[in-house]
Amino acid sequence: MEYPLLKLAAIDIGSNAVRCQISAVLHYGDRYRLKRVEYVRYPLRLGEDVFASGRISAKKEEKFIKFLHALRLLMEVHDVAPNHYLICATSAMRTAQNGQEVAARIQQQLGMTVRVIDGQDEAAFINRVIENLLEDKKHYIHIDVGGGSTEFNIYHDRRKVASQSFEVGSIRRMQQEEAGLSTEAMRETWQRMEEWVTENARRYHVTRAIGTGGNINKLYSMAQAGVDKPVTRRRIATILDHLTSMSMDERVNVALLNPDRADVIVPAGHIYLSAMEWANVHQMIVPDIGLKDGMLQTLFEEHFDEFRAEGDLKPGCPKPAMQSRPTEVE
């Protein structure tokens, strides 16, 4: 028996990977939930091209369009309505000299609109789900490390009071290290990042950290801290030291990391660790959420009246809060 469900989809085009999540809108009484029914990740690595040459190569663009075509078909199979999905691209596409040209060709060939967003927009999306995790009278720094940029948000008593984006990310750092360059090569940006974190953490009395992003999620699982338990700065440092001592072959075949994770996890981990040191915090909460979850929450809120009418729901029902760890369907 078919049981129809309204579905939303978010496609996050990052510098390291493209992620697509399709979630069903569930409601019972006055309660709403978004439940993950499909998740696909492909390590396209637009940042490899862009941060080295400033452009998306023809070969990479061809793969990009093929993968988005596959995602379009996947959304059709799941009966995702044409206005019920959102595609956002971050650092690599906004940095690429031909980013807008590639977006235009995707629109022409596939009829899919890619929104190239800046760091503030990216932070705003993530804020929609992060704010549900905060406790009253607690003060947090949120750290989100991507392939091309790092976003910081400061929350003081459940209110975001400061945010900043820096063009420092895992792929950028990895490329510098492979080229034999140290952090000194980007010392000015790194120093500005340190000064911003130090000043704002002190000003707003930050005592807790929240980390989001694929690399900190993997470090968290390796730390085996326990579900919903914070991971310590010391434990993160220990894991990074261990990974640093391993070859790429050992990271893949012994630590069982995917190749596209094995080479960037250490550069990304050092950004998280440095930010924690600058903020003088010793523990980090690592919820399994990110940009795609904020995009889904945004879509739900934009179409809330439509869903309410579909479900014959009472006017004035509260809008939902996204679950911090949406249930996956096996």
Protein backbone atom coordinates (compact mmCIF):
# COMPACT_ATOMS: atom_id res chain seq x y z
CA MET A 1 0.00 0.00 0.00
CA GLU A 2 1.34 3.40 -0.95
CA TYR A 3 1.33 6.04 1.76
CA PRO A 4 1.97 9.45 0.17
CA LEU A 5 4.42 11.73 1.92
CA LEU A 6 5.34 15.31 1.10
CA LYS A 7 9.08 15.54 0.54
CA LEU A 8 11.75 18.23 0.44
CA ALA A 9 15.27 18.07 -0.97
CA ALA A 10 18.44 20.04 -0.34
CA ILE A 11 21.57 19.88 -2.51
CA ASP A 12 24.70 21.34 -0.93
CA ILE A 13 27.50 21.95 -3.42
CA GLY A 14 30.60 22.22 -1.27
CA SER A 15 34.25 22.59 -2.15
CA ASN A 16 34.95 18.95 -1.27
CA ALA A 17 31.67 17.13 -1.93
CA VAL A 18 28.13 17.49 -3.23
CA ARG A 19 25.46 16.27 -0.82
CA CYS A 20 21.80 15.65 -1.48
CA GLN A 21 19.31 14.92 1.27
CA ILE A 22 15.63 14.17 0.73
CA SER A 23 13.41 14.38 3.79
CA ALA A 24 9.77 13.56 4.34
CA VAL A 25 7.46 15.94 6.21
CA LEU A 26 5.83 14.06 9.07
CA HIS A 27 3.07 15.41 11.27
CA TYR A 28 0.87 14.02 13.98
CA GLY A 29 -1.39 16.32 15.93
CA ASP A 30 0.57 19.53 16.39
CA ARG A 31 3.97 17.88 16.09
CA TYR A 32 6.13 18.13 12.97
CA ARG A 33 9.29 16.33 12.01
CA LEU A 34 11.55 16.12 9.00
CA LYS A 35 12.75 12.55 8.53
CA ARG A 36 15.61 11.69 6.20
CA VAL A 37 14.58 9.17 3.54
CA GLU A 38 17.54 9.51 1.14
CA TYR A 39 21.09 10.78 1.37
CA VAL A 40 23.71 10.81 -1.39
CA ARG A 41 27.24 12.21 -1.22
CA TYR A 42 29.73 12.45 -4.05
CA PRO A 43 33.31 13.80 -3.62
CA LEU A 44 33.30 16.07 -6.68
CA ARG A 45 36.04 18.29 -5.22
CA LEU A 46 35.41 21.50 -7.10
CA GLY A 47 37.90 23.14 -4.73
CA GLU A 48 40.82 21.15 -6.20
CA ASP A 49 40.40 23.03 -9.48
CA VAL A 50 39.29 26.37 -8.16
CA PHE A 51 41.84 26.91 -5.39
CA ALA A 52 44.69 25.87 -7.71
CA SER A 53 43.73 27.53 -11.02
CA GLY A 54 40.80 29.82 -10.19
CA ARG A 55 38.44 27.96 -12.51
CA ILE A 56 36.25 24.85 -12.71
CA SER A 57 37.78 22.62 -15.39
CA ALA A 58 35.76 21.27 -18.32
CA LYS A 59 36.24 17.71 -17.04
CA LYS A 60 35.01 18.60 -13.56
CA GLU A 61 32.07 20.55 -14.99
CA GLU A 62 31.03 17.54 -17.07
CA LYS A 63 30.96 15.32 -13.96
CA PHE A 64 29.14 18.05 -12.04
CA ILE A 65 26.33 18.27 -14.60
CA LYS A 66 26.03 14.47 -14.84
CA PHE A 67 25.73 14.16 -11.08
CA LEU A 68 23.10 16.91 -10.82
CA HIS A 69 21.19 15.18 -13.61
CA ALA A 70 21.25 11.97 -11.54
CA LEU A 71 20.00 13.91 -8.52
CA ARG A 72 17.19 15.42 -10.58
CA LEU A 73 16.06 11.92 -11.55
CA LEU A 74 16.35 10.78 -7.93
CA MET A 75 14.11 13.64 -6.81
CA GLU A 76 11.60 12.76 -9.53
CA VAL A 77 11.49 9.15 -8.30
CA HIS A 78 10.80 10.47 -4.77
CA ASP A 79 8.05 12.79 -6.12
CA VAL A 80 9.78 15.94 -4.89
CA ALA A 81 7.83 18.83 -6.39
CA PRO A 82 9.76 21.30 -8.61
CA ASN A 83 9.48 24.06 -6.00
CA HIS A 84 10.28 21.80 -3.05
CA TYR A 85 14.04 21.63 -3.47
CA LEU A 86 16.92 24.03 -3.02
CA ILE A 87 20.46 23.98 -4.43
CA CYS A 88 23.18 26.07 -2.78
CA ALA A 89 26.85 26.33 -3.71
CA THR A 90 29.49 27.67 -1.35
CA SER A 91 33.15 28.69 -1.41
CA ALA A 92 34.47 26.93 -4.54
CA MET A 93 31.73 28.13 -6.88
CA ARG A 94 31.67 31.66 -5.52
CA THR A 95 35.46 31.83 -5.89
CA ALA A 96 35.60 30.29 -9.38
CA GLN A 97 36.02 32.78 -12.21
CA ASN A 98 33.58 30.73 -14.28
CA GLY A 99 31.24 29.80 -11.42
CA GLN A 100 28.32 31.84 -12.75
CA GLU A 101 28.89 30.47 -16.27
CA VAL A 102 28.71 26.91 -14.97
CA ALA A 103 25.55 27.74 -13.01
CA ALA A 104 24.01 29.21 -16.16
CA ARG A 105 24.78 26.06 -18.18
CA ILE A 106 23.23 23.90 -15.44
CA GLN A 107 20.10 26.04 -15.63
CA GLN A 108 20.01 25.77 -19.42
CA GLN A 109 20.67 22.02 -19.65
CA LEU A 110 18.84 20.74 -16.57
CA GLY A 111 16.45 23.50 -15.59
CA MET A 112 17.98 23.51 -12.09
CA THR A 113 18.79 26.80 -10.38
CA VAL A 114 22.02 26.88 -8.39
CA ARG A 115 22.22 29.61 -5.75
CA VAL A 116 25.80 30.68 -5.13
CA ILE A 117 25.74 31.91 -1.53
CA ASP A 118 28.26 33.86 0.54
CA GLY A 119 29.55 33.03 4.00
CA GLN A 120 26.87 35.05 5.76
CA ASP A 121 24.07 33.27 3.90
CA GLU A 122 25.70 29.94 4.69
CA ALA A 123 25.85 30.84 8.38
CA ALA A 124 22.22 31.97 8.32
CA PHE A 125 21.06 28.61 6.98
CA ILE A 126 23.02 26.67 9.60
CA ASN A 127 21.76 29.03 12.32
CA ARG A 128 18.21 27.79 11.72
CA VAL A 129 19.11 24.39 13.12
CA ILE A 130 21.93 25.29 15.51
CA GLU A 131 19.68 27.58 17.56
CA ASN A 132 17.57 24.56 18.56
CA LEU A 133 20.56 23.04 20.37
CA LEU A 134 21.36 26.00 22.60
CA GLU A 135 20.66 26.24 26.29
CA ASP A 136 19.55 29.36 28.16
CA LYS A 137 22.30 31.45 29.75
CA LYS A 138 25.03 29.51 27.96
CA HIS A 139 27.52 31.05 25.54
CA TYR A 140 28.85 29.21 22.48
CA ILE A 141 31.19 29.49 19.56
CA HIS A 142 30.02 27.59 16.49
CA ILE A 143 32.80 26.43 14.13
CA ASP A 144 32.00 25.15 10.64
CA VAL A 145 34.99 24.16 8.49
CA GLY A 146 34.42 23.51 4.81
CA GLY A 147 36.78 22.78 1.95
CA GLY A 148 37.26 26.43 1.07
CA SER A 149 36.07 28.52 4.01
CA THR A 150 35.47 28.50 7.74
CA GLU A 151 32.41 30.10 9.33
CA PHE A 152 32.27 31.28 12.95
CA ASN A 153 29.17 32.24 14.93
CA ILE A 154 28.99 33.43 18.52
CA TYR A 155 25.80 32.77 20.52
CA HIS A 156 25.19 34.61 23.78
CA ASP A 157 22.17 33.41 25.80
CA ARG A 158 20.57 31.77 22.70
CA ARG A 159 21.08 34.86 20.52
CA LYS A 160 23.60 35.12 17.71
CA VAL A 161 25.69 38.20 18.45
CA ALA A 162 28.61 37.89 16.00
CA SER A 163 29.55 35.96 12.87
CA GLN A 164 32.40 35.96 10.39
CA SER A 165 33.53 33.95 7.37
CA PHE A 166 37.19 33.35 6.48
CA GLU A 167 38.56 31.93 3.23
CA VAL A 168 40.45 29.22 5.08
CA GLY A 169 39.39 25.60 4.56
CA SER A 170 40.58 22.02 4.47
CA ILE A 171 41.32 21.79 0.73
CA ARG A 172 43.04 25.20 0.68
CA ARG A 173 45.29 24.13 3.58
CA MET A 174 45.96 20.72 2.06
CA GLN A 175 47.04 22.25 -1.24
CA GLN A 176 49.40 24.60 0.57
CA GLU A 177 50.93 21.74 2.54
CA GLU A 178 51.34 19.63 -0.61
CA ALA A 179 53.09 22.59 -2.26
CA GLY A 180 55.52 22.73 0.65
CA LEU A 181 54.01 25.88 2.10
CA SER A 182 53.29 26.34 5.78
CA THR A 183 50.52 28.29 7.46
CA GLU A 184 52.85 31.29 7.11
CA ALA A 185 51.82 31.49 3.45
CA MET A 186 48.40 32.66 4.60
CA ARG A 187 49.58 34.23 7.84
CA GLU A 188 47.57 37.42 7.47
CA THR A 189 44.24 35.62 7.06
CA TRP A 190 45.10 33.12 9.79
CA GLN A 191 46.07 35.94 12.14
CA ARG A 192 42.81 37.81 11.45
CA MET A 193 40.91 34.62 12.19
CA GLU A 194 42.76 34.15 15.49
CA GLU A 195 42.18 37.75 16.52
CA TRP A 196 38.47 37.58 15.68
CA VAL A 197 37.90 34.36 17.63
CA THR A 198 39.97 35.47 20.62
CA GLU A 199 38.31 38.87 20.89
CA ASN A 200 34.72 37.70 20.48
CA ALA A 201 35.09 34.63 22.68
CA ARG A 202 36.37 36.86 25.47
CA ARG A 203 33.80 39.60 24.91
CA TYR A 204 30.85 37.21 25.06
CA HIS A 205 32.26 34.88 27.72
CA VAL A 206 32.21 31.79 25.48
CA THR A 207 32.54 28.52 27.39
CA ARG A 208 31.28 25.95 24.89
CA ALA A 209 32.00 25.02 21.28
CA ILE A 210 29.75 23.50 18.62
CA GLY A 211 31.42 21.90 15.60
CA THR A 212 29.75 21.11 12.28
CA GLY A 213 31.10 19.70 9.03
CA GLY A 214 32.05 16.30 7.64
CA ASN A 215 35.56 16.26 9.10
CA ILE A 216 34.58 17.03 12.68
CA ASN A 217 31.77 14.45 12.40
CA LYS A 218 34.37 11.83 11.44
CA LEU A 219 36.75 12.91 14.23
CA TYR A 220 33.84 12.71 16.66
CA SER A 221 33.00 9.15 15.60
CA MET A 222 36.68 8.19 15.92
CA ALA A 223 36.74 9.71 19.42
CA GLN A 224 33.88 7.40 20.46
CA ALA A 225 32.66 10.02 22.88
CA GLY A 226 29.16 8.52 23.04
CA VAL A 227 25.92 9.73 21.49
CA ASP A 228 25.29 13.41 22.22
CA LYS A 229 28.33 13.60 24.52
CA PRO A 230 30.89 16.38 23.98
CA VAL A 231 34.41 15.56 22.79
CA THR A 232 37.39 17.12 24.53
CA ARG A 233 40.03 19.26 22.90
CA ARG A 234 42.69 16.88 24.19
CA ARG A 235 40.96 13.91 22.55
CA ILE A 236 40.76 15.71 19.19
CA ALA A 237 44.47 16.58 19.44
CA THR A 238 45.35 12.95 20.22
CA ILE A 239 43.44 11.66 17.18
CA LEU A 240 45.00 14.28 14.91
CA ASP A 241 48.49 13.37 16.13
CA HIS A 242 47.76 9.71 15.38
CA LEU A 243 46.40 10.47 11.89
CA THR A 244 49.35 12.76 11.14
CA SER A 245 51.75 9.89 11.86
CA MET A 246 49.94 7.64 9.37
CA SER A 247 50.52 7.45 5.63
CA MET A 248 47.68 7.97 3.19
CA ASP A 249 47.58 4.22 2.63
CA GLU A 250 47.25 3.60 6.38
CA ARG A 251 44.53 6.21 6.76
CA VAL A 252 42.47 4.48 4.06
CA ASN A 253 43.19 0.82 4.81
CA VAL A 254 43.77 0.87 8.58
CA ALA A 255 41.77 3.85 9.84
CA LEU A 256 39.15 3.04 7.15
CA LEU A 257 38.73 6.63 5.98
CA ASN A 258 37.41 7.34 2.51
CA PRO A 259 40.20 8.70 0.26
CA ASP A 260 38.46 12.06 -0.07
CA ARG A 261 38.31 12.29 3.73
CA ALA A 262 41.74 10.86 4.50
CA ASP A 263 43.70 13.72 2.95
CA VAL A 264 41.70 16.67 4.32
CA ILE A 265 40.76 15.53 7.81
CA VAL A 266 44.05 16.62 9.40
CA PRO A 267 44.11 20.15 7.89
CA ALA A 268 40.45 20.60 8.85
CA GLY A 269 41.00 19.18 12.32
CA HIS A 270 43.76 21.69 13.01
CA ILE A 271 41.38 24.55 12.22
CA TYR A 272 38.83 23.24 14.75
CA LEU A 273 41.55 22.62 17.32
CA SER A 274 43.11 26.08 16.83
CA ALA A 275 39.73 27.79 17.16
CA MET A 276 39.05 25.95 20.41
CA GLU A 277 42.44 27.03 21.75
CA TRP A 278 41.88 30.65 20.73
CA ALA A 279 38.46 30.62 22.38
CA ASN A 280 39.89 28.83 25.45
CA VAL A 281 37.21 26.14 25.40
CA HIS A 282 37.95 22.53 26.27
CA GLN A 283 34.92 20.63 24.96
CA MET A 284 32.96 20.55 21.73
CA ILE A 285 29.42 19.43 20.96
CA VAL A 286 29.22 17.76 17.54
CA PRO A 287 25.63 17.46 16.27
CA ASP A 288 25.19 15.69 12.95
CA ILE A 289 23.80 18.75 11.16
CA GLY A 290 24.99 21.19 8.54
CA LEU A 291 24.07 23.44 5.65
CA LYS A 292 21.69 20.94 4.05
CA ASP A 293 19.67 20.69 7.28
CA GLY A 294 19.29 24.47 7.43
CA MET A 295 18.21 24.47 3.78
CA LEU A 296 15.54 21.86 4.53
CA GLN A 297 14.30 23.82 7.53
CA THR A 298 14.10 26.94 5.35
CA LEU A 299 12.12 25.09 2.69
CA PHE A 300 9.70 23.78 5.30
CA GLU A 301 9.09 27.21 6.75
CA GLU A 302 8.61 28.72 3.30
CA HIS A 303 5.98 26.10 2.40
CA PHE A 304 4.45 25.69 5.86
CA ASP A 305 1.01 27.02 4.89
CA GLU A 306 0.96 24.65 1.93
CA PHE A 307 1.77 21.65 4.14
CA ARG A 308 -0.77 22.75 6.72
CA ALA A 309 -3.48 22.91 4.07
CA GLU A 310 -2.43 19.52 2.68
CA GLY A 311 -2.71 17.95 6.10
CA ASP A 312 -5.83 19.87 7.10
CA LEU A 313 -3.96 21.27 10.09
CA LYS A 314 -5.29 23.87 12.44
CA PRO A 315 -4.28 27.51 11.86
CA GLY A 316 -1.76 28.85 14.33
CA CYS A 317 0.11 25.59 14.82
CA PRO A 318 3.76 26.24 15.69
CA LYS A 319 6.40 25.81 13.03
CA PRO A 320 8.66 22.83 13.67
CA ALA A 321 12.20 22.62 14.88
CA MET A 322 14.47 20.34 12.88
CA GLN A 323 15.62 17.31 14.81
CA SER A 324 19.29 17.64 15.72
CA ARG A 325 19.92 14.11 14.46
CA PRO A 326 17.27 13.24 11.83
CA THR A 327 16.41 9.55 11.68
CA GLU A 328 17.89 7.71 8.72
CA VAL A 329 15.95 5.06 6.83
CA GLU A 330 18.08 1.94 6.34
